[in-house]
Amino acid sequence: MNKFDPATAIQRLDGRDANRGVNPAICDSATFTFPEAHLMTDTFHGETEGYFLYSRHWNPSNLALCQALAAMEGTEAAWVTGSGLAAITCALLHEVKSGDHIISSMTTYGGTFAFMANYMKKFNVETTFVNFQDLDAVRRAVQEHPNTKVLYTETMNNPLLRIANVPELSKIAHSIGAKLIVDNTFTPMIFSPYRLGADVVVYSMTKFINGKNDCVAGAICGSADYIGSLIDVNNGTCMLLGPVLDPMRSSSILKNLHTLHIRMQKHSANAMYLAKRFKEVGFKYNYPGLPEHPDYELFNSMMNPGYGYGGMISIDMGTAESASRIMEIMQKKGVGYLAVSLGYFKTLFSNSGKSTSSEVPEDIQREMGMSEGLIRFSMGLDNDIEATFQLIKESVDESCR
């Protein structure tokens, strides 16, 4: 595979509009006019270019962001949604019908887990949760379920930070005519799942892509035919469920997207620094950027060079009570915020089992190897990362007194 640079792909786009502004103008129109009546009909049927029907379908602001996202991912097209979970659920719903089956990584975001484990049962769609690090287990699940339509995983899973073998999972999915859907929220630019064999890539843009935690948004990236089918006026899941992103937010996210490469480099550098310091002082840490991580070589084989190993890192404090004490002290000392989400310019930390993975039953948390004392960090853009480390160490020491 040829070397791919997502940041350069975005940079090479000419995002100017007809008025030649360096930023595309924000379009706040819900509906659009046509010079000739037949063009309206043709647009309804998806047979025109450069015409807009209604903002639930397309508008110029969303289109500009989608073009940049597609360039970043190496896909033909993209479509943006009002939340990351809207992107995930629409992508899944679009591929299945009553009686179909999904195979998902056992370790996945709690909201996604709940959607597949609970909500989809209303439509008679069953999900089998498997340890996706065990490819033979995935193959066995495929053999046991000939009605499987989707394999679903996160490139770097939440919160255990294991790495999915996207090329091999793609082979397994395609061997039975199923689609591989990959959530790349933790690792934008670091990985390009579509180029590695995934059929669909989804994002919560709320996180690293936007980077400000001032909005909720999602994205779906794939082939032009696939995106076209999502927004078909008769059968398109996105068109008919209506999770469209507001164009004001599209415009804001597009501007933030142009600094994503710089931010990912800094998030990664700070997480790497902490991982090395945690190792020195004997903390039980988890970071895929050091050779002792079980997926270190796999990570290196799939990554786009230059963006590091990501801004997510965790430490295990043994018990939920210990994790809570440490997080409260860290917040008081100014390490960052005790808050869910990630990708913010300040460091965020939470006890995953009691927050973002709380929808996952405790017995499954234990089966996947999640400690109740796991503290997940989303490293910020700290300028003095050694000072941040010292505050974390002081917080751990103080909690033990």
Protein backbone atom coordinates (compact mmCIF):
# COMPACT_ATOMS: atom_id res chain seq x y z
CA MET A 1 0.00 0.00 0.00
CA ASN A 2 1.33 3.43 -0.91
CA LYS A 3 2.22 5.81 1.89
CA PHE A 4 -0.78 7.96 2.78
CA ASP A 5 -0.75 11.28 4.63
CA PRO A 6 -4.24 12.29 5.80
CA ALA A 7 -3.21 15.83 6.71
CA THR A 8 -1.75 16.49 3.27
CA ALA A 9 -4.88 15.06 1.64
CA ILE A 10 -6.97 17.65 3.49
CA GLN A 11 -4.49 20.43 2.76
CA ARG A 12 -4.62 19.78 -0.98
CA LEU A 13 -8.38 20.37 -1.12
CA ASP A 14 -9.55 23.71 -2.44
CA GLY A 15 -12.31 24.51 0.01
CA ARG A 16 -13.15 27.96 -1.31
CA ASP A 17 -16.71 28.68 -2.35
CA ALA A 18 -17.93 30.68 -5.34
CA ASN A 19 -17.23 33.94 -3.50
CA ARG A 20 -13.56 32.97 -3.13
CA GLY A 21 -13.54 33.17 0.65
CA VAL A 22 -10.74 31.13 2.21
CA ASN A 23 -13.40 29.45 4.36
CA PRO A 24 -16.58 28.15 2.77
CA ALA A 25 -19.57 30.37 3.50
CA ILE A 26 -21.96 29.03 6.14
CA CYS A 27 -25.23 27.99 4.57
CA ASP A 28 -28.20 28.43 6.91
CA SER A 29 -30.86 27.49 4.38
CA ALA A 30 -33.12 24.55 5.10
CA THR A 31 -34.38 24.37 1.52
CA PHE A 32 -33.05 25.36 -1.90
CA THR A 33 -34.39 26.66 -5.19
CA PHE A 34 -34.11 25.22 -8.70
CA PRO A 35 -33.96 27.18 -11.96
CA GLU A 36 -35.96 24.48 -13.74
CA ALA A 37 -38.62 22.12 -12.38
CA HIS A 38 -37.08 18.95 -13.81
CA LEU A 39 -33.91 19.58 -11.78
CA MET A 40 -35.90 19.25 -8.56
CA THR A 41 -37.22 15.89 -9.72
CA ASP A 42 -33.79 14.76 -10.85
CA THR A 43 -32.27 15.77 -7.52
CA PHE A 44 -34.91 13.76 -5.67
CA HIS A 45 -33.71 10.77 -7.67
CA GLY A 46 -30.03 11.50 -7.00
CA GLU A 47 -29.33 12.29 -10.64
CA THR A 48 -27.80 15.77 -10.38
CA GLU A 49 -24.59 17.34 -9.09
CA GLY A 50 -24.28 20.80 -7.60
CA TYR A 51 -27.93 21.08 -6.62
CA PHE A 52 -29.30 20.86 -3.09
CA LEU A 53 -32.73 19.63 -2.18
CA TYR A 54 -33.21 20.01 1.55
CA SER A 55 -30.72 20.26 4.41
CA ARG A 56 -31.69 16.91 5.88
CA HIS A 57 -30.23 15.46 2.66
CA TRP A 58 -27.36 17.79 1.73
CA ASN A 59 -26.36 21.40 2.17
CA PRO A 60 -23.20 23.21 1.05
CA SER A 61 -21.70 23.49 4.57
CA ASN A 62 -22.06 19.80 5.29
CA LEU A 63 -20.78 18.92 1.84
CA ALA A 64 -17.59 20.93 2.40
CA LEU A 65 -16.90 19.09 5.68
CA CYS A 66 -17.72 15.74 4.08
CA GLN A 67 -15.29 16.35 1.24
CA ALA A 68 -12.52 17.07 3.75
CA LEU A 69 -13.37 13.98 5.82
CA ALA A 70 -13.37 11.78 2.72
CA ALA A 71 -9.97 13.16 1.77
CA MET A 72 -8.67 12.41 5.27
CA GLU A 73 -9.99 8.84 5.19
CA GLY A 74 -9.14 8.04 1.59
CA THR A 75 -12.79 7.29 0.87
CA GLU A 76 -14.92 8.49 -2.02
CA ALA A 77 -17.51 10.17 0.17
CA ALA A 78 -18.72 10.91 3.70
CA TRP A 79 -21.84 12.11 5.48
CA VAL A 80 -22.11 13.90 8.82
CA THR A 81 -24.55 13.30 11.65
CA GLY A 82 -25.75 15.03 14.79
CA SER A 83 -23.78 12.70 17.09
CA GLY A 84 -21.22 9.91 17.00
CA LEU A 85 -23.81 7.39 18.16
CA ALA A 86 -26.10 8.51 15.32
CA ALA A 87 -23.32 7.65 12.88
CA ILE A 88 -22.78 4.25 14.50
CA THR A 89 -26.44 3.29 14.77
CA CYS A 90 -27.33 4.44 11.26
CA ALA A 91 -24.39 2.55 9.75
CA LEU A 92 -25.45 -0.61 11.58
CA LEU A 93 -29.17 -0.29 10.88
CA HIS A 94 -28.48 0.29 7.20
CA GLU A 95 -26.90 -3.14 6.83
CA VAL A 96 -29.38 -5.38 8.65
CA LYS A 97 -32.99 -6.47 8.64
CA SER A 98 -35.04 -8.68 10.93
CA GLY A 99 -33.37 -12.06 11.35
CA ASP A 100 -29.87 -10.84 10.54
CA HIS A 101 -26.84 -11.12 12.78
CA ILE A 102 -23.91 -8.90 13.85
CA ILE A 103 -20.55 -9.96 15.26
CA SER A 104 -19.00 -7.26 17.41
CA SER A 105 -15.88 -6.84 19.43
CA MET A 106 -16.67 -7.53 23.06
CA THR A 107 -14.70 -4.46 24.08
CA THR A 108 -16.47 -1.43 22.69
CA TYR A 109 -17.98 1.86 23.79
CA GLY A 110 -20.82 1.33 26.25
CA GLY A 111 -23.45 3.11 24.16
CA THR A 112 -22.60 1.01 21.13
CA PHE A 113 -22.66 -2.15 23.23
CA ALA A 114 -26.10 -1.26 24.62
CA PHE A 115 -27.48 -0.51 21.16
CA MET A 116 -26.45 -3.89 19.79
CA ALA A 117 -27.06 -5.96 22.91
CA ASN A 118 -30.42 -4.44 23.86
CA TYR A 119 -32.04 -2.09 21.36
CA MET A 120 -31.47 -4.13 18.21
CA LYS A 121 -33.33 -7.08 19.76
CA LYS A 122 -36.53 -5.07 19.20
CA PHE A 123 -35.96 -5.67 15.50
CA ASN A 124 -34.96 -9.32 15.88
CA VAL A 125 -31.31 -8.57 15.13
CA GLU A 126 -28.93 -10.53 17.36
CA THR A 127 -25.33 -9.64 18.16
CA THR A 128 -22.57 -12.01 19.22
CA PHE A 129 -19.80 -10.31 21.22
CA VAL A 130 -16.39 -11.85 20.68
CA ASN A 131 -12.82 -11.16 21.71
CA PHE A 132 -11.63 -9.65 18.42
CA GLN A 133 -7.99 -10.10 19.41
CA ASP A 134 -8.67 -13.83 18.87
CA LEU A 135 -9.20 -14.08 15.11
CA ASP A 136 -10.01 -17.78 15.35
CA ALA A 137 -12.86 -16.93 17.72
CA VAL A 138 -14.14 -14.43 15.15
CA ARG A 139 -13.95 -17.07 12.43
CA ARG A 140 -15.84 -19.56 14.59
CA ALA A 141 -18.56 -16.99 15.23
CA VAL A 142 -18.86 -16.42 11.48
CA GLN A 143 -19.15 -20.15 10.81
CA GLU A 144 -21.85 -20.46 13.47
CA HIS A 145 -23.94 -17.61 12.04
CA PRO A 146 -24.44 -17.76 8.26
CA ASN A 147 -26.82 -14.79 8.54
CA THR A 148 -24.03 -12.45 9.70
CA LYS A 149 -24.14 -9.16 7.81
CA VAL A 150 -21.72 -6.98 9.81
CA LEU A 151 -18.46 -7.30 11.70
CA TYR A 152 -18.07 -4.30 13.98
CA THR A 153 -15.02 -3.09 15.86
CA GLU A 154 -13.11 -0.05 17.05
CA THR A 155 -9.61 0.40 15.68
CA MET A 156 -8.34 1.13 19.20
CA ASN A 157 -10.93 -0.22 21.55
CA ASN A 158 -12.51 1.59 24.47
CA PRO A 159 -11.23 1.49 27.18
CA LEU A 160 -8.66 -1.32 27.01
CA LEU A 161 -6.70 0.23 24.11
CA ARG A 162 -6.30 -3.03 22.18
CA ILE A 163 -5.80 -2.73 18.41
CA ALA A 164 -8.02 -4.42 15.83
CA ASN A 165 -6.35 -6.29 13.00
CA VAL A 166 -8.35 -4.52 10.32
CA PRO A 167 -6.83 -6.28 7.27
CA GLU A 168 -7.54 -9.75 8.69
CA LEU A 169 -11.00 -8.83 9.95
CA SER A 170 -11.76 -7.48 6.49
CA LYS A 171 -10.85 -10.83 4.93
CA ILE A 172 -13.12 -12.66 7.36
CA ALA A 173 -16.04 -10.32 6.71
CA HIS A 174 -15.68 -10.36 2.95
CA SER A 175 -15.41 -14.15 2.85
CA ILE A 176 -19.13 -14.30 3.73
CA GLY A 177 -20.23 -11.13 1.96
CA ALA A 178 -20.53 -9.13 5.18
CA LYS A 179 -19.34 -5.58 5.76
CA LEU A 180 -16.63 -4.53 8.19
CA ILE A 181 -17.59 -1.34 10.04
CA VAL A 182 -14.82 0.32 12.05
CA ASP A 183 -15.09 3.09 14.62
CA ASN A 184 -11.89 5.16 14.37
CA THR A 185 -12.80 7.80 16.97
CA PHE A 186 -9.69 7.24 19.14
CA THR A 187 -7.20 7.32 16.25
CA PRO A 188 -8.04 9.76 13.45
CA MET A 189 -5.15 10.22 11.01
CA ILE A 190 -3.13 7.60 12.91
CA PHE A 191 -5.06 4.82 11.17
CA SER A 192 -6.92 4.82 7.86
CA PRO A 193 -9.24 1.79 8.27
CA TYR A 194 -10.84 2.11 4.83
CA ARG A 195 -7.44 1.82 3.19
CA LEU A 196 -6.76 -1.21 5.39
CA GLY A 197 -9.87 -3.02 4.16
CA ALA A 198 -12.83 -1.69 6.16
CA ASP A 199 -16.01 -0.98 4.22
CA VAL A 200 -17.32 1.80 6.45
CA VAL A 201 -15.56 4.07 8.93
CA VAL A 202 -17.50 5.91 11.62
CA TYR A 203 -16.51 8.69 14.00
CA SER A 204 -17.68 10.60 16.96
CA MET A 205 -16.37 13.96 15.75
CA THR A 206 -17.19 15.30 19.22
CA LYS A 207 -13.81 13.93 20.25
CA PHE A 208 -10.42 14.46 18.59
CA ILE A 209 -11.68 15.62 15.19
CA ASN A 210 -13.38 18.70 16.61
CA GLY A 211 -11.17 18.88 19.69
CA LYS A 212 -13.11 21.53 21.61
CA ASN A 213 -15.90 19.61 23.34
CA ASP A 214 -18.27 22.37 22.29
CA CYS A 215 -20.52 20.24 20.10
CA VAL A 216 -21.77 16.72 19.48
CA ALA A 217 -21.30 15.34 15.96
CA GLY A 218 -20.55 12.18 14.00
CA ALA A 219 -19.41 11.03 10.58
CA ILE A 220 -19.80 8.06 8.26
CA CYS A 221 -17.17 7.51 5.55
CA GLY A 222 -17.31 5.03 2.67
CA SER A 223 -17.76 4.58 -1.04
CA ALA A 224 -19.87 6.99 -3.07
CA ASP A 225 -22.46 4.27 -3.70
CA TYR A 226 -22.68 3.49 0.01
CA ILE A 227 -23.12 7.11 1.07
CA GLY A 228 -25.63 7.57 -1.72
CA SER A 229 -27.63 4.62 -0.40
CA LEU A 230 -27.61 6.09 3.13
CA ILE A 231 -29.30 9.28 1.92
CA ASP A 232 -31.61 7.80 -0.71
CA VAL A 233 -35.00 9.52 -0.32
CA ASN A 234 -36.90 6.23 -0.43
CA ASN A 235 -34.71 3.76 1.48
CA GLY A 236 -31.76 5.65 2.98
CA THR A 237 -31.38 5.13 6.72
CA CYS A 238 -29.87 8.56 7.31
CA MET A 239 -32.34 10.35 5.07
CA LEU A 240 -35.35 8.70 6.72
CA LEU A 241 -34.17 8.79 10.35
CA GLY A 242 -32.94 12.35 9.96
CA PRO A 243 -29.79 12.62 12.14
CA VAL A 244 -28.26 15.42 10.04
CA LEU A 245 -25.63 17.76 11.50
CA ASP A 246 -26.40 21.46 11.74
CA PRO A 247 -24.46 23.45 9.09
CA MET A 248 -23.20 25.97 11.66
CA ARG A 249 -21.46 23.11 13.46
CA SER A 250 -20.19 21.67 10.18
CA SER A 251 -18.48 24.94 9.43
CA SER A 252 -16.87 25.07 12.87
CA ILE A 253 -15.66 21.46 12.72
CA LEU A 254 -14.21 21.96 9.25
CA LYS A 255 -11.97 24.76 10.52
CA ASN A 256 -10.87 22.64 13.48
CA LEU A 257 -10.13 19.71 11.18
CA HIS A 258 -7.25 21.64 9.63
CA THR A 259 -5.34 21.59 12.94
CA LEU A 260 -6.08 17.94 13.73
CA HIS A 261 -2.66 16.70 12.61
CA ILE A 262 -0.88 19.10 14.96
CA ARG A 263 -3.17 18.22 17.84
CA MET A 264 -2.83 14.46 17.33
CA GLN A 265 0.94 14.78 17.33
CA LYS A 266 0.84 16.66 20.65
CA HIS A 267 -1.76 14.38 22.25
CA SER A 268 0.39 11.40 21.26
CA ALA A 269 3.65 12.95 22.45
CA ASN A 270 2.16 13.75 25.86
CA ALA A 271 0.70 10.26 26.27
CA MET A 272 4.01 8.68 25.27
CA TYR A 273 5.88 10.82 27.80
CA LEU A 274 3.51 9.78 30.59
CA ALA A 275 3.72 6.11 29.60
CA LYS A 276 7.50 6.18 29.96
CA ARG A 277 7.31 7.99 33.30
CA PHE A 278 4.58 5.65 34.57
CA LYS A 279 6.83 2.74 33.66
CA GLU A 280 9.75 4.28 35.56
CA VAL A 281 7.79 4.66 38.80
CA GLY A 282 6.05 1.28 38.55
CA PHE A 283 2.47 2.28 37.83
CA LYS A 284 0.32 -0.39 36.21
CA TYR A 285 -0.22 1.45 32.94
CA ASN A 286 -1.50 0.64 29.47
CA TYR A 287 -0.29 2.42 26.33
CA PRO A 288 0.05 0.88 22.84
CA GLY A 289 3.09 2.98 21.97
CA LEU A 290 5.61 0.95 23.99
CA PRO A 291 6.97 -2.47 22.93
CA GLU A 292 5.49 -4.32 25.90
CA HIS A 293 1.95 -3.64 24.67
CA PRO A 294 0.60 -6.86 23.07
CA ASP A 295 -0.46 -5.03 19.89
CA TYR A 296 2.63 -2.86 19.45
CA GLU A 297 3.83 -4.63 16.29
CA LEU A 298 0.31 -4.72 14.83
CA PHE A 299 -0.03 -1.00 15.51
CA ASN A 300 3.22 -0.30 13.68
CA SER A 301 2.15 -2.40 10.70
CA MET A 302 -1.07 -0.42 10.17
CA MET A 303 -0.28 3.16 11.27
CA ASN A 304 0.26 6.24 9.16
CA PRO A 305 3.68 7.57 10.22
CA GLY A 306 4.07 10.92 11.88
CA TYR A 307 1.06 11.06 14.23
CA GLY A 308 2.28 8.92 17.12
CA TYR A 309 0.39 6.26 19.05
CA GLY A 310 -2.57 8.28 20.20
CA GLY A 311 -3.57 10.39 23.17
CA MET A 312 -5.30 7.67 25.21
CA ILE A 313 -3.56 6.03 28.17
CA SER A 314 -4.76 4.30 31.31
CA ILE A 315 -3.56 3.29 34.76
CA ASP A 316 -5.02 0.61 37.00
CA MET A 317 -5.56 1.60 40.63
CA GLY A 318 -7.08 -1.71 41.64
CA THR A 319 -10.45 -0.63 43.02
CA ALA A 320 -13.12 1.84 41.99
CA GLU A 321 -12.81 3.55 45.38
CA SER A 322 -9.08 4.12 44.92
CA ALA A 323 -9.64 5.40 41.37
CA SER A 324 -12.29 7.84 42.61
CA ARG A 325 -10.00 9.26 45.32
CA ILE A 326 -7.14 9.74 42.88
CA MET A 327 -9.33 11.41 40.25
CA GLU A 328 -10.80 13.83 42.78
CA ILE A 329 -7.30 14.80 43.96
CA MET A 330 -6.04 15.16 40.37
CA GLN A 331 -8.89 17.53 39.56
CA LYS A 332 -8.15 19.65 42.62
CA LYS A 333 -4.47 19.82 41.71
CA GLY A 334 -5.24 20.95 38.16
CA VAL A 335 -4.23 17.84 36.20
CA GLY A 336 -7.45 18.17 34.24
CA TYR A 337 -11.13 17.39 34.62
CA LEU A 338 -12.99 14.41 36.01
CA ALA A 339 -15.23 14.08 32.98
CA VAL A 340 -16.26 11.65 30.27
CA SER A 341 -15.39 12.11 26.60
CA LEU A 342 -11.96 12.63 25.08
CA GLY A 343 -9.95 14.61 22.56
CA TYR A 344 -10.19 17.88 24.50
CA PHE A 345 -7.33 20.36 24.79
CA LYS A 346 -7.31 19.77 28.57
CA THR A 347 -6.71 16.32 30.04
CA LEU A 348 -9.88 14.37 30.87
CA PHE A 349 -10.06 11.29 33.08
CA SER A 350 -12.75 8.89 34.22
CA ASN A 351 -13.25 5.46 35.77
CA SER A 352 -14.45 3.59 32.69
CA GLY A 353 -16.34 0.82 34.45
CA LYS A 354 -18.49 3.37 36.27
CA SER A 355 -18.95 5.76 33.35
CA THR A 356 -18.44 5.24 29.61
CA SER A 357 -18.51 1.43 29.90
CA SER A 358 -21.19 1.25 32.59
CA GLU A 359 -23.72 -0.11 30.06
CA VAL A 360 -21.53 -3.22 29.76
CA PRO A 361 -22.58 -5.76 32.43
CA GLU A 362 -19.99 -6.25 35.16
CA ASP A 363 -19.50 -9.93 34.33
CA ILE A 364 -18.61 -9.00 30.74
CA GLN A 365 -16.33 -6.22 32.01
CA ARG A 366 -14.47 -8.86 33.97
CA GLU A 367 -14.42 -11.24 31.00
CA MET A 368 -12.84 -8.60 28.78
CA GLY A 369 -10.22 -7.91 31.46
CA MET A 370 -11.39 -4.49 32.62
CA SER A 371 -10.28 -3.66 36.14
CA GLU A 372 -12.77 -1.81 38.30
CA GLY A 373 -9.94 0.57 39.18
CA LEU A 374 -9.13 1.53 35.57
CA ILE A 375 -8.60 5.27 35.07
CA ARG A 376 -8.74 6.26 31.40
CA PHE A 377 -6.88 9.43 30.46
CA SER A 378 -7.43 11.47 27.34
CA MET A 379 -4.25 13.51 27.34
CA GLY A 380 -4.60 17.19 26.66
CA LEU A 381 -2.25 19.56 24.91
CA ASP A 382 -0.24 20.24 28.09
CA ASN A 383 2.85 22.33 27.41
CA ASP A 384 4.76 21.11 30.50
CA ILE A 385 4.00 17.39 30.56
CA GLU A 386 6.60 16.67 33.24
CA ALA A 387 4.71 18.98 35.59
CA THR A 388 1.53 17.07 34.74
CA PHE A 389 3.24 13.79 35.59
CA GLN A 390 4.43 15.14 38.93
CA LEU A 391 0.87 16.19 39.80
CA ILE A 392 -0.45 12.73 38.89
CA LYS A 393 2.23 11.07 41.02
CA GLU A 394 1.49 13.40 43.94
CA SER A 395 -2.20 12.55 43.61
CA VAL A 396 -1.51 8.81 43.73
CA ASP A 397 0.83 9.20 46.70
CA GLU A 398 -1.63 11.43 48.57
CA SER A 399 -4.50 8.98 48.02
CA CYS A 400 -2.48 6.25 49.75
CA ARG A 401 -1.87 8.19 52.98
